[in-house]
Amino acid sequence: MSLKETYNLSYDLSGFNSGLINWYNRLIDKQYEMLNIEDVAKMIRQDVLKEVAIKRAIDLFFVDPYDGEYEDGGLLNLLVSLEFNKIDESILQKLNHQLEVLQTAYLEFEWEEEELKEKYRKNMDEMLKK
């Protein structure tokens, strides 16, 4: 099912031809599993279905823990910058649990550079402090 169907959303029919509105209308036609790193990052920045975006970000971390939209580690950096007091408690609990799993799983990931692995570890430590 699409996000539109799952969350009972409607297209933005305001008539404005902005990039953001066009993106939103395309986004809600996607299924959860089809959300990519760019979608997730923009959803978080634009505060659109943020909890869905955070859940998907966790899924994407297991594929590549240091992925990013514009730079390596960008998604993790974006999550580090979130204001956790504005996120639903059940999502925070899931996020915290998954972060604990990810904190050890990153050791098994095949890192191209030791520097990226260390940067990831530091960001994970920062996330777990929140």
Protein backbone atom coordinates (compact mmCIF):
# COMPACT_ATOMS: atom_id res chain seq x y z
CA MET A 1 0.00 0.00 0.00
CA SER A 2 1.16 3.53 -0.68
CA LEU A 3 1.78 6.08 2.07
CA LYS A 4 -1.33 7.85 0.82
CA GLU A 5 -3.46 4.76 1.43
CA THR A 6 -1.75 3.69 4.64
CA TYR A 7 -2.03 7.07 6.37
CA ASN A 8 -5.18 8.31 4.60
CA LEU A 9 -3.37 11.26 3.03
CA SER A 10 -4.50 13.54 0.23
CA TYR A 11 -2.62 15.13 -2.60
CA ASP A 12 -1.82 18.81 -2.30
CA LEU A 13 -4.16 20.28 -4.90
CA SER A 14 -3.42 23.90 -4.10
CA GLY A 15 -2.45 24.63 -7.68
CA PHE A 16 0.99 25.89 -6.74
CA ASN A 17 3.62 24.34 -8.94
CA SER A 18 6.41 24.29 -6.38
CA GLY A 19 9.10 21.65 -6.18
CA LEU A 20 8.14 20.84 -2.61
CA ILE A 21 4.48 20.24 -3.44
CA ASN A 22 5.41 18.13 -6.46
CA TRP A 23 7.81 16.11 -4.28
CA TYR A 24 5.14 15.58 -1.62
CA ASN A 25 2.58 14.40 -4.18
CA ARG A 26 5.09 11.90 -5.60
CA LEU A 27 6.18 10.84 -2.12
CA ILE A 28 2.75 9.80 -0.88
CA ASP A 29 2.34 7.51 -3.89
CA LYS A 30 5.34 5.46 -2.72
CA GLN A 31 5.21 2.36 -0.58
CA TYR A 32 7.18 2.42 2.66
CA GLU A 33 9.77 -0.02 1.31
CA MET A 34 10.38 2.25 -1.69
CA LEU A 35 11.44 5.25 0.42
CA ASN A 36 15.09 5.93 -0.32
CA ILE A 37 17.73 7.93 1.50
CA GLU A 38 16.77 11.14 -0.32
CA ASP A 39 13.10 10.74 0.56
CA VAL A 40 13.86 10.01 4.21
CA ALA A 41 16.25 12.94 4.60
CA LYS A 42 13.81 15.37 3.00
CA MET A 43 10.90 14.01 5.06
CA ILE A 44 12.86 14.69 8.24
CA ARG A 45 13.97 18.17 7.14
CA GLN A 46 10.47 19.13 5.98
CA ASP A 47 8.73 17.53 8.99
CA VAL A 48 6.62 15.33 6.71
CA LEU A 49 5.68 11.97 8.21
CA LYS A 50 8.76 12.33 10.41
CA GLU A 51 8.08 9.21 12.45
CA VAL A 52 7.74 7.14 9.27
CA ALA A 53 11.00 8.65 8.03
CA ILE A 54 12.80 7.76 11.26
CA LYS A 55 11.54 4.17 11.09
CA ARG A 56 12.72 3.90 7.47
CA ALA A 57 16.07 5.48 8.37
CA ILE A 58 16.60 2.69 10.88
CA ASP A 59 15.88 0.11 8.16
CA LEU A 60 18.30 1.85 5.81
CA PHE A 61 21.05 1.87 8.45
CA PHE A 62 21.12 -1.92 8.33
CA VAL A 63 21.81 -1.75 4.59
CA ASP A 64 24.53 0.90 4.86
CA PRO A 65 25.11 2.48 8.27
CA TYR A 66 26.99 5.41 6.82
CA ASP A 67 24.77 6.38 3.90
CA GLY A 68 23.80 9.94 3.21
CA GLU A 69 21.94 12.08 0.76
CA TYR A 70 24.76 14.51 0.00
CA GLU A 71 27.63 13.12 2.04
CA ASP A 72 28.68 9.95 3.81
CA GLY A 73 26.98 9.74 7.18
CA GLY A 74 24.46 12.42 6.27
CA LEU A 75 21.43 10.50 7.49
CA LEU A 76 22.99 9.72 10.84
CA ASN A 77 24.07 13.36 11.20
CA LEU A 78 20.50 14.44 10.44
CA LEU A 79 19.14 12.11 13.12
CA VAL A 80 21.72 13.37 15.61
CA SER A 81 20.41 16.89 15.03
CA LEU A 82 16.75 15.97 15.74
CA GLU A 83 14.96 17.37 18.75
CA PHE A 84 13.99 14.15 20.46
CA ASN A 85 11.49 15.84 22.76
CA LYS A 86 9.28 16.37 19.70
CA ILE A 87 9.20 12.70 18.69
CA ASP A 88 6.56 10.21 19.85
CA GLU A 89 7.76 8.14 22.81
CA SER A 90 7.07 4.78 21.12
CA ILE A 91 9.20 5.82 18.13
CA LEU A 92 11.98 6.93 20.48
CA GLN A 93 11.93 3.60 22.25
CA LYS A 94 12.20 1.74 18.94
CA LEU A 95 14.92 4.11 17.76
CA ASN A 96 16.90 3.66 20.97
CA HIS A 97 16.62 -0.11 20.75
CA GLN A 98 17.67 -0.13 17.10
CA LEU A 99 20.54 2.25 17.80
CA GLU A 100 21.85 -0.13 20.44
CA VAL A 101 21.73 -2.94 17.86
CA LEU A 102 23.36 -0.70 15.25
CA GLN A 103 26.05 0.34 17.68
CA THR A 104 27.44 -3.19 17.62
CA ALA A 105 26.37 -4.10 14.06
CA TYR A 106 28.61 -1.42 12.58
CA LEU A 107 31.62 -3.49 13.62
CA GLU A 108 30.60 -6.15 11.08
CA PHE A 109 30.04 -3.67 8.25
CA GLU A 110 32.76 -3.59 5.58
CA TRP A 111 34.06 -0.05 5.96
CA GLU A 112 36.07 1.48 3.12
CA GLU A 113 38.03 3.65 5.54
CA GLU A 114 38.77 3.36 9.25
CA GLU A 115 38.08 7.11 9.56
CA LEU A 116 34.44 6.61 8.50
CA LYS A 117 34.04 3.80 11.01
CA GLU A 118 35.35 6.04 13.80
CA LYS A 119 33.13 8.96 12.76
CA TYR A 120 30.14 6.63 12.73
CA ARG A 121 30.97 5.36 16.23
CA LYS A 122 31.18 8.93 17.55
CA ASN A 123 27.83 9.85 15.99
CA MET A 124 26.23 6.72 17.41
CA ASP A 125 27.56 7.61 20.87
CA GLU A 126 26.05 11.09 20.47
CA MET A 127 22.68 9.65 19.46
CA LEU A 128 22.61 7.29 22.42
CA LYS A 129 23.24 10.18 24.83
CA LYS A 130 19.95 11.85 23.82
